[in-house]
Amino acid sequence: MNYELFIARRYLFAKKSHHAINIISGISVLGVAVATMAMVVTLSVFNGFQDLVADLFTAFDPELRVTLTDGQTVSTKDPALLQLKKHDAVDVYTPVLEGQALVVQDGRQQVVTIKGVADNITEQAHIQDILYGDGSFCLHADVLEYGILGIQLAQQLGLPAYFENPLQVYAPKPGERVNMGNPLSSFNHEELQSPGVVFVVRQAKYDANYILTSLGFAQRLFERQGRVSGVEIKVKEGFKVDKTKQELQALLGERFKVQDRYEQQDDIFRVMRIEKLISHVFLSFILLVACFNIIGSLSMLMIDKRQDIRTLRSLGANDAQISTIFRLEGHIISLAGALLGLLLGAILCWVQQEYGLVTMGDSEGSFIVDAYPVSVYLTDILLVLVTVLVVSWLAIWYPVNYLSKKILKT
């Protein structure tokens, strides 16, 4: 241990001639700790909401989705897709076809997204976990085609989970103009039966717009026999999703794009990342204000230790070394506050996770979760620690140098 750090540590814990210096030093540590704790808790709450949204999409969005870069359809026998299907990391390979269509029921109509999926969709996603109703999951049986509606879409059409009359589905014929004399002749028409269930993802993007049905139905409706708009992939256990995504992207080339769950919902998660970043910036400014207490503590300490400064000079210490002692004192205060704040923040997050002390509202069950979700990430802990150290260094360096020049001259 160099002597500057040794003296700085002794100054922090040693008794001062003025008790106010000890009080201000304690307030400085507490101020940094509170600001640090606030950063940990706030970032963890944003993480909690992000994880909550990710969990909601888990039952509907695949681990990896492969689509064409230009948004068109591709043949199921495309060589690239055949290679993809044989990849060692691919556990479940589910071809899908999505398109816009018009549904009509008892005079009500709605433009929806028809998502046709292969029969192995239940191996791909936890569809059973989001179904509500007395029926069962079924895409087709013999000549009948079934459609599973999002719960909000069913409400908009005035339909229960089970409806007797088939749902009328219309899609424009590819490359054909609308015949104004007989508009219906320009549309493909199919019917969907009810399996007696609806799905609930708790996101309007899906619940109010999507209908799940068989791949064959979608291919007939959109006249895309033997073609798909994408492929959904479930990765085998033991393989990392991020690494598999990179390997598949390299295999398929620029013609295709491979997206994980976060990229599939990039619009939502981008907003959450921006909100988290803005919160971090604002809390950093609050931390900067808290660090000003350290400057007050150091200035009073420098005045109190004038006799010690003369002694150090007599022993051969120069002004730069003496200034370093007080800068290190400030850094020790900020580090102590940071570690205390990290500990308190982690404890508060654990208490919230276990007991849900801070609730979302007065009415239980009104929200998806009753209490604010929190998730503590190690990367955020390190980010907060680095932020505290950097902000405190910026707040301490110039004032200490300035005060040192003024005080050391006397």
Protein backbone atom coordinates (compact mmCIF):
# COMPACT_ATOMS: atom_id res chain seq x y z
CA MET A 1 0.00 0.00 0.00
CA ASN A 2 1.47 3.38 -1.01
CA TYR A 3 1.61 6.02 1.68
CA GLU A 4 -0.96 8.33 -0.02
CA LEU A 5 -3.62 5.61 0.16
CA PHE A 6 -2.58 4.69 3.71
CA ILE A 7 -2.92 8.28 4.92
CA ALA A 8 -6.22 8.79 3.04
CA ARG A 9 -7.66 5.69 4.71
CA ARG A 10 -6.51 6.85 8.14
CA TYR A 11 -8.04 10.27 7.58
CA LEU A 12 -11.39 8.70 6.75
CA PHE A 13 -11.67 6.68 9.94
CA ALA A 14 -9.61 8.80 12.32
CA LYS A 15 -11.30 11.22 14.71
CA LYS A 16 -11.27 14.82 13.47
CA SER A 17 -10.93 17.93 15.58
CA HIS A 18 -14.31 19.10 14.33
CA HIS A 19 -17.15 16.60 14.72
CA ALA A 20 -18.99 18.22 11.77
CA ILE A 21 -16.42 16.77 9.36
CA ASN A 22 -17.33 13.24 10.45
CA ILE A 23 -21.01 14.04 10.02
CA ILE A 24 -20.51 15.49 6.53
CA SER A 25 -18.38 12.49 5.54
CA GLY A 26 -21.15 10.17 6.73
CA ILE A 27 -23.72 12.19 4.81
CA SER A 28 -21.52 11.97 1.71
CA VAL A 29 -21.34 8.18 1.96
CA LEU A 30 -25.10 7.99 2.57
CA GLY A 31 -25.87 10.30 -0.37
CA VAL A 32 -23.83 8.23 -2.80
CA ALA A 33 -25.36 5.05 -1.36
CA VAL A 34 -28.94 6.28 -1.83
CA ALA A 35 -28.25 7.40 -5.40
CA THR A 36 -26.56 4.07 -6.17
CA MET A 37 -29.42 2.12 -4.61
CA ALA A 38 -31.93 4.10 -6.70
CA MET A 39 -30.01 3.23 -9.86
CA VAL A 40 -29.92 -0.48 -9.02
CA VAL A 41 -33.63 -0.62 -8.19
CA THR A 42 -34.73 1.42 -11.21
CA LEU A 43 -32.67 -0.57 -13.71
CA SER A 44 -33.86 -3.82 -12.11
CA VAL A 45 -37.50 -2.77 -12.48
CA PHE A 46 -36.94 -2.10 -16.19
CA ASN A 47 -35.30 -5.53 -16.44
CA GLY A 48 -38.29 -7.04 -14.70
CA PHE A 49 -40.74 -5.55 -17.18
CA GLN A 50 -38.53 -6.64 -20.07
CA ASP A 51 -38.43 -10.22 -18.77
CA LEU A 52 -42.19 -10.13 -18.17
CA VAL A 53 -42.88 -9.08 -21.77
CA ALA A 54 -40.42 -11.70 -23.02
CA ASP A 55 -42.25 -14.38 -21.02
CA LEU A 56 -45.58 -13.30 -22.49
CA PHE A 57 -44.24 -13.74 -26.01
CA THR A 58 -42.61 -17.10 -25.27
CA ALA A 59 -45.75 -19.11 -26.00
CA PHE A 60 -46.26 -17.43 -29.38
CA ASP A 61 -42.88 -16.27 -30.68
CA PRO A 62 -40.30 -18.93 -31.59
CA GLU A 63 -36.74 -18.96 -30.30
CA LEU A 64 -35.57 -18.18 -33.83
CA ARG A 65 -37.52 -17.01 -36.86
CA VAL A 66 -36.14 -17.25 -40.39
CA THR A 67 -37.67 -15.04 -43.10
CA LEU A 68 -36.65 -13.65 -46.45
CA THR A 69 -34.99 -10.24 -46.32
CA ASP A 70 -37.38 -8.88 -48.97
CA GLY A 71 -40.45 -10.16 -47.13
CA GLN A 72 -41.58 -12.48 -49.95
CA THR A 73 -42.42 -16.19 -49.80
CA VAL A 74 -40.03 -19.04 -50.49
CA SER A 75 -40.47 -22.62 -51.66
CA THR A 76 -40.48 -25.27 -48.95
CA LYS A 77 -37.95 -27.16 -51.13
CA ASP A 78 -35.52 -24.26 -51.32
CA PRO A 79 -31.96 -25.69 -50.89
CA ALA A 80 -31.18 -23.19 -48.13
CA LEU A 81 -34.20 -24.28 -46.09
CA LEU A 82 -33.38 -27.94 -46.62
CA GLN A 83 -29.88 -27.28 -45.25
CA LEU A 84 -31.39 -25.38 -42.35
CA LYS A 85 -33.67 -28.28 -41.50
CA LYS A 86 -30.67 -30.63 -41.21
CA HIS A 87 -28.62 -28.34 -38.96
CA ASP A 88 -27.45 -30.06 -35.77
CA ALA A 89 -28.84 -27.32 -33.49
CA VAL A 90 -32.36 -27.41 -34.96
CA ASP A 91 -34.74 -29.38 -32.77
CA VAL A 92 -38.13 -28.39 -34.22
CA TYR A 93 -38.54 -26.98 -37.74
CA THR A 94 -41.95 -25.36 -38.31
CA PRO A 95 -42.80 -23.75 -41.67
CA VAL A 96 -45.34 -20.91 -41.46
CA LEU A 97 -47.25 -18.68 -43.87
CA GLU A 98 -48.67 -15.32 -42.79
CA GLY A 99 -50.89 -12.94 -44.72
CA GLN A 100 -53.65 -10.37 -44.39
CA ALA A 101 -57.27 -11.40 -44.86
CA LEU A 102 -60.80 -10.19 -44.18
CA VAL A 103 -63.01 -12.18 -41.82
CA VAL A 104 -66.79 -11.78 -41.71
CA GLN A 105 -69.20 -13.09 -39.10
CA ASP A 106 -72.85 -12.09 -38.59
CA GLY A 107 -72.43 -8.76 -40.31
CA ARG A 108 -69.20 -7.89 -38.50
CA GLN A 109 -65.92 -7.79 -40.35
CA GLN A 110 -62.27 -7.33 -39.45
CA VAL A 111 -58.94 -7.31 -41.26
CA VAL A 112 -56.72 -9.89 -39.56
CA THR A 113 -53.42 -11.70 -39.92
CA ILE A 114 -53.84 -15.35 -40.84
CA LYS A 115 -50.95 -17.43 -39.52
CA GLY A 116 -50.83 -20.89 -41.03
CA VAL A 117 -48.54 -23.27 -39.17
CA ALA A 118 -47.42 -26.88 -39.53
CA ASP A 119 -48.86 -29.54 -37.25
CA ASN A 120 -45.72 -29.65 -35.08
CA ILE A 121 -46.43 -26.15 -33.72
CA THR A 122 -47.21 -27.68 -30.31
CA GLU A 123 -43.63 -28.97 -30.16
CA GLN A 124 -42.37 -25.53 -31.15
CA ALA A 125 -44.28 -23.33 -28.68
CA HIS A 126 -46.26 -23.76 -25.47
CA ILE A 127 -49.58 -23.09 -27.20
CA GLN A 128 -51.53 -25.10 -24.64
CA ASP A 129 -50.52 -22.61 -21.94
CA ILE A 130 -52.32 -19.70 -23.61
CA LEU A 131 -55.58 -21.40 -24.64
CA TYR A 132 -58.92 -20.64 -22.98
CA GLY A 133 -62.18 -22.45 -23.58
CA ASP A 134 -63.82 -25.86 -23.28
CA GLY A 135 -62.47 -27.15 -26.58
CA SER A 136 -58.99 -28.34 -27.53
CA PHE A 137 -56.19 -27.24 -29.83
CA CYS A 138 -56.83 -28.47 -33.36
CA LEU A 139 -55.81 -27.08 -36.74
CA HIS A 140 -57.63 -29.44 -39.12
CA ALA A 141 -59.56 -32.71 -39.19
CA ASP A 142 -60.50 -34.50 -42.40
CA VAL A 143 -61.98 -31.80 -44.64
CA LEU A 144 -62.56 -29.30 -41.84
CA GLU A 145 -60.20 -26.41 -41.14
CA TYR A 146 -60.13 -24.81 -37.69
CA GLY A 147 -59.16 -21.31 -36.67
CA ILE A 148 -58.05 -20.22 -33.21
CA LEU A 149 -58.73 -16.53 -32.66
CA GLY A 150 -57.05 -14.10 -30.32
CA ILE A 151 -59.38 -13.24 -27.47
CA GLN A 152 -59.69 -9.54 -28.37
CA LEU A 153 -60.42 -10.40 -32.00
CA ALA A 154 -63.17 -12.79 -30.87
CA GLN A 155 -64.68 -10.01 -28.75
CA GLN A 156 -64.58 -7.55 -31.66
CA LEU A 157 -66.45 -10.07 -33.82
CA GLY A 158 -68.88 -10.84 -30.99
CA LEU A 159 -67.84 -14.49 -30.86
CA PRO A 160 -67.53 -16.83 -27.87
CA ALA A 161 -64.73 -19.37 -27.58
CA TYR A 162 -66.96 -21.81 -29.48
CA PHE A 163 -69.08 -20.53 -32.37
CA GLU A 164 -71.40 -22.73 -34.42
CA ASN A 165 -71.46 -20.91 -37.75
CA PRO A 166 -68.13 -21.09 -39.61
CA LEU A 167 -66.03 -17.94 -39.93
CA GLN A 168 -65.93 -16.56 -43.47
CA VAL A 169 -62.42 -15.66 -44.63
CA TYR A 170 -61.59 -13.64 -47.76
CA ALA A 171 -58.19 -12.85 -49.28
CA PRO A 172 -57.52 -10.97 -52.54
CA LYS A 173 -56.32 -13.11 -55.42
CA PRO A 174 -52.64 -12.41 -56.17
CA GLY A 175 -52.04 -10.01 -59.08
CA GLU A 176 -55.73 -9.51 -59.84
CA ARG A 177 -57.62 -6.23 -59.90
CA VAL A 178 -60.90 -5.91 -58.06
CA ASN A 179 -63.89 -6.54 -60.31
CA MET A 180 -66.22 -3.69 -59.42
CA GLY A 181 -69.16 -5.50 -61.00
CA ASN A 182 -68.60 -8.59 -58.86
CA PRO A 183 -66.05 -7.79 -56.12
CA LEU A 184 -66.26 -11.21 -54.49
CA SER A 185 -64.92 -12.85 -57.65
CA SER A 186 -61.58 -11.11 -56.99
CA PHE A 187 -61.20 -12.79 -53.59
CA ASN A 188 -60.42 -16.31 -52.48
CA HIS A 189 -63.01 -17.55 -50.01
CA GLU A 190 -62.54 -20.17 -47.29
CA GLU A 191 -64.26 -21.13 -44.05
CA LEU A 192 -62.86 -21.77 -40.59
CA GLN A 193 -64.56 -23.85 -37.93
CA SER A 194 -64.24 -23.25 -34.20
CA PRO A 195 -62.22 -25.69 -32.06
CA GLY A 196 -63.81 -24.20 -28.93
CA VAL A 197 -60.76 -22.28 -27.71
CA VAL A 198 -59.18 -18.84 -28.09
CA PHE A 199 -55.60 -17.83 -27.29
CA VAL A 200 -54.53 -15.10 -24.88
CA VAL A 201 -51.02 -13.65 -25.19
CA ARG A 202 -52.06 -10.43 -23.37
CA GLN A 203 -50.58 -8.33 -26.13
CA ALA A 204 -52.94 -6.51 -28.50
CA LYS A 205 -50.60 -7.13 -31.42
CA TYR A 206 -51.59 -10.80 -31.28
CA ASP A 207 -54.82 -10.98 -29.30
CA ALA A 208 -56.61 -8.43 -31.52
CA ASN A 209 -55.22 -9.37 -34.93
CA TYR A 210 -54.13 -13.00 -35.26
CA ILE A 211 -55.87 -16.23 -36.22
CA LEU A 212 -53.94 -19.51 -35.96
CA THR A 213 -54.80 -22.14 -38.50
CA SER A 214 -53.20 -24.90 -40.57
CA LEU A 215 -50.45 -24.25 -43.10
CA GLY A 216 -52.49 -25.93 -45.86
CA PHE A 217 -55.42 -23.58 -45.27
CA ALA A 218 -53.21 -20.49 -45.52
CA GLN A 219 -51.51 -21.79 -48.68
CA ARG A 220 -54.89 -22.33 -50.40
CA LEU A 221 -56.30 -19.00 -49.21
CA PHE A 222 -53.31 -16.98 -50.45
CA GLU A 223 -52.61 -19.26 -53.45
CA ARG A 224 -49.12 -20.04 -52.17
CA GLN A 225 -49.11 -23.83 -52.50
CA GLY A 226 -45.72 -25.25 -51.59
CA ARG A 227 -44.47 -21.87 -50.33
CA VAL A 228 -43.98 -20.32 -46.90
CA SER A 229 -43.25 -16.85 -45.55
CA GLY A 230 -40.86 -18.13 -42.93
CA VAL A 231 -39.65 -20.91 -40.70
CA GLU A 232 -39.78 -21.05 -36.91
CA ILE A 233 -36.97 -22.84 -35.11
CA LYS A 234 -36.68 -24.40 -31.69
CA VAL A 235 -33.07 -24.93 -30.67
CA LYS A 236 -31.95 -28.24 -29.19
CA GLU A 237 -31.00 -28.38 -25.54
CA GLY A 238 -27.30 -27.84 -25.06
CA PHE A 239 -27.07 -25.33 -27.92
CA LYS A 240 -27.01 -21.59 -27.23
CA VAL A 241 -29.60 -19.54 -29.07
CA ASP A 242 -27.25 -16.63 -29.82
CA LYS A 243 -24.53 -18.86 -31.24
CA THR A 244 -27.04 -20.90 -33.24
CA LYS A 245 -28.50 -17.71 -34.66
CA GLN A 246 -25.07 -16.63 -35.91
CA GLU A 247 -24.40 -20.05 -37.43
CA LEU A 248 -27.75 -20.14 -39.22
CA GLN A 249 -27.30 -16.61 -40.53
CA ALA A 250 -23.89 -17.55 -41.93
CA LEU A 251 -25.41 -20.69 -43.48
CA LEU A 252 -28.35 -18.90 -45.13
CA GLY A 253 -26.54 -15.76 -46.28
CA GLU A 254 -27.89 -12.26 -46.85
CA ARG A 255 -30.99 -13.54 -48.64
CA PHE A 256 -32.48 -14.54 -45.30
CA LYS A 257 -32.60 -12.92 -41.87
CA VAL A 258 -32.57 -14.86 -38.62
CA GLN A 259 -34.19 -13.17 -35.62
CA ASP A 260 -34.34 -14.11 -31.96
CA ARG A 261 -37.32 -13.26 -29.75
CA TYR A 262 -36.03 -9.80 -28.87
CA GLU A 263 -35.47 -8.91 -32.53
CA GLN A 264 -38.91 -10.21 -33.46
CA GLN A 265 -40.36 -7.65 -31.03
CA ASP A 266 -37.73 -5.01 -31.64
CA ASP A 267 -40.20 -2.10 -31.57
CA ILE A 268 -41.30 -2.89 -28.01
CA PHE A 269 -37.88 -3.72 -26.60
CA ARG A 270 -36.28 -0.70 -28.30
CA VAL A 271 -38.67 1.61 -26.44
CA MET A 272 -37.91 -0.16 -23.17
CA ARG A 273 -34.15 0.13 -23.76
CA ILE A 274 -34.50 3.86 -24.49
CA GLU A 275 -36.54 4.39 -21.31
CA LYS A 276 -33.95 2.49 -19.31
CA LEU A 277 -31.12 4.55 -20.81
CA ILE A 278 -32.87 7.86 -20.08
CA SER A 279 -33.53 6.78 -16.49
CA HIS A 280 -29.87 5.86 -16.08
CA VAL A 281 -28.77 9.27 -17.40
CA PHE A 282 -31.10 11.19 -15.07
CA LEU A 283 -30.04 9.15 -12.06
CA SER A 284 -26.41 9.82 -12.98
CA PHE A 285 -27.08 13.54 -12.65
CA ILE A 286 -28.64 12.94 -9.23
CA LEU A 287 -25.54 10.97 -8.31
CA LEU A 288 -23.40 13.90 -9.44
CA VAL A 289 -25.28 16.19 -7.06
CA ALA A 290 -24.78 13.67 -4.25
CA CYS A 291 -21.03 13.72 -4.96
CA PHE A 292 -20.90 17.45 -4.21
CA ASN A 293 -21.23 16.51 -0.53
CA ILE A 294 -17.87 14.78 -0.87
CA ILE A 295 -16.30 18.07 -2.02
CA GLY A 296 -17.58 19.81 1.11
CA SER A 297 -16.24 17.05 3.31
CA LEU A 298 -12.81 17.13 1.63
CA SER A 299 -12.50 20.92 1.77
CA MET A 300 -13.21 20.93 5.52
CA LEU A 301 -10.79 18.02 6.00
CA MET A 302 -8.03 19.87 4.13
CA ILE A 303 -8.51 22.91 6.36
CA ASP A 304 -8.53 20.69 9.45
CA LYS A 305 -5.30 18.92 8.41
CA ARG A 306 -3.17 21.99 7.65
CA GLN A 307 -0.70 21.02 10.37
CA ASP A 308 -0.42 17.52 8.92
CA ILE A 309 0.19 19.04 5.48
CA ARG A 310 3.13 21.06 6.87
CA THR A 311 4.51 17.89 8.47
CA LEU A 312 4.23 15.96 5.22
CA ARG A 313 6.02 18.73 3.39
CA SER A 314 8.81 18.62 5.96
CA LEU A 315 9.10 14.88 5.31
CA GLY A 316 9.57 15.52 1.58
CA ALA A 317 6.04 15.22 0.15
CA ASN A 318 5.30 17.59 -2.73
CA ASP A 319 1.99 19.35 -3.46
CA ALA A 320 0.92 16.79 -6.07
CA GLN A 321 1.33 13.93 -3.57
CA ILE A 322 -0.60 15.81 -0.91
CA SER A 323 -3.42 16.52 -3.39
CA THR A 324 -3.46 12.80 -4.24
CA ILE A 325 -4.12 11.98 -0.58
CA PHE A 326 -7.33 14.01 -0.54
CA ARG A 327 -8.44 12.77 -3.96
CA LEU A 328 -8.02 9.20 -2.72
CA GLU A 329 -10.03 10.14 0.36
CA GLY A 330 -12.85 11.23 -1.94
CA HIS A 331 -12.62 8.06 -3.99
CA ILE A 332 -12.75 5.92 -0.83
CA ILE A 333 -15.91 7.78 0.27
CA SER A 334 -17.55 7.27 -3.15
CA LEU A 335 -16.51 3.60 -3.28
CA ALA A 336 -17.88 3.00 0.22
CA GLY A 337 -21.15 4.66 -0.78
CA ALA A 338 -21.28 2.67 -4.00
CA LEU A 339 -20.76 -0.69 -2.28
CA LEU A 340 -23.32 0.16 0.40
CA GLY A 341 -25.81 1.30 -2.26
CA LEU A 342 -25.30 -1.85 -4.32
CA LEU A 343 -25.91 -3.99 -1.25
CA LEU A 344 -29.05 -2.07 -0.23
CA GLY A 345 -30.34 -2.11 -3.81
CA ALA A 346 -29.84 -5.86 -4.12
CA ILE A 347 -31.62 -6.42 -0.80
CA LEU A 348 -34.59 -4.26 -1.83
CA CYS A 349 -34.87 -6.10 -5.14
CA TRP A 350 -34.78 -9.46 -3.36
CA VAL A 351 -37.49 -8.35 -0.94
CA GLN A 352 -39.64 -7.17 -3.86
CA GLN A 353 -39.14 -10.45 -5.69
CA GLU A 354 -40.03 -12.55 -2.67
CA TYR A 355 -42.83 -10.52 -1.09
CA GLY A 356 -44.03 -8.02 -3.72
CA LEU A 357 -44.23 -5.12 -1.29
CA VAL A 358 -44.74 -2.46 -3.98
CA THR A 359 -47.91 -3.33 -5.90
CA MET A 360 -49.09 -2.19 -9.32
CA GLY A 361 -52.42 -0.89 -8.03
CA ASP A 362 -55.10 -1.18 -5.39
CA SER A 363 -57.18 -3.75 -7.28
CA GLU A 364 -55.65 -7.22 -7.22
CA GLY A 365 -55.82 -8.94 -10.59
CA SER A 366 -56.29 -5.73 -12.58
CA PHE A 367 -52.85 -6.09 -14.14
CA ILE A 368 -50.85 -8.97 -15.58
CA VAL A 369 -48.83 -9.02 -12.36
CA ASP A 370 -49.89 -7.66 -8.96
CA ALA A 371 -46.46 -6.31 -7.92
CA TYR A 372 -43.68 -4.53 -9.79
CA PRO A 373 -41.42 -7.18 -11.36
CA VAL A 374 -37.68 -6.87 -10.75
CA SER A 375 -34.70 -8.69 -12.24
CA VAL A 376 -31.16 -7.97 -11.11
CA TYR A 377 -28.55 -8.35 -13.86
CA LEU A 378 -24.86 -8.61 -13.07
CA THR A 379 -24.12 -6.36 -16.06
CA ASP A 380 -26.28 -3.63 -14.53
CA ILE A 381 -24.51 -3.96 -11.18
CA LEU A 382 -21.17 -3.49 -12.92
CA LEU A 383 -22.59 -0.60 -14.97
CA VAL A 384 -23.80 1.16 -11.83
CA LEU A 385 -20.47 0.64 -10.07
CA VAL A 386 -18.53 2.03 -13.03
CA THR A 387 -20.97 4.96 -13.30
CA VAL A 388 -20.52 5.85 -9.63
CA LEU A 389 -16.74 5.70 -9.85
CA VAL A 390 -16.59 7.76 -13.05
CA VAL A 391 -19.09 10.39 -11.88
CA SER A 392 -17.37 10.72 -8.51
CA TRP A 393 -13.97 11.05 -10.19
CA LEU A 394 -15.32 13.82 -12.42
CA ALA A 395 -16.92 15.54 -9.44
CA ILE A 396 -13.83 15.29 -7.23
CA TRP A 397 -10.83 15.79 -9.51
CA TYR A 398 -11.07 19.49 -10.42
CA PRO A 399 -12.46 20.81 -7.10
CA VAL A 400 -9.78 18.98 -5.09
CA ASN A 401 -6.99 20.28 -7.34
CA TYR A 402 -8.39 23.81 -7.09
CA LEU A 403 -8.81 23.66 -3.29
CA SER A 404 -5.37 22.12 -2.90
CA LYS A 405 -3.73 25.04 -4.69
CA LYS A 406 -5.60 27.54 -2.53
CA ILE A 407 -5.04 25.81 0.79
CA LEU A 408 -1.50 24.60 0.18
CA LYS A 409 -0.36 28.16 -0.53
CA THR A 410 -1.30 29.26 2.98
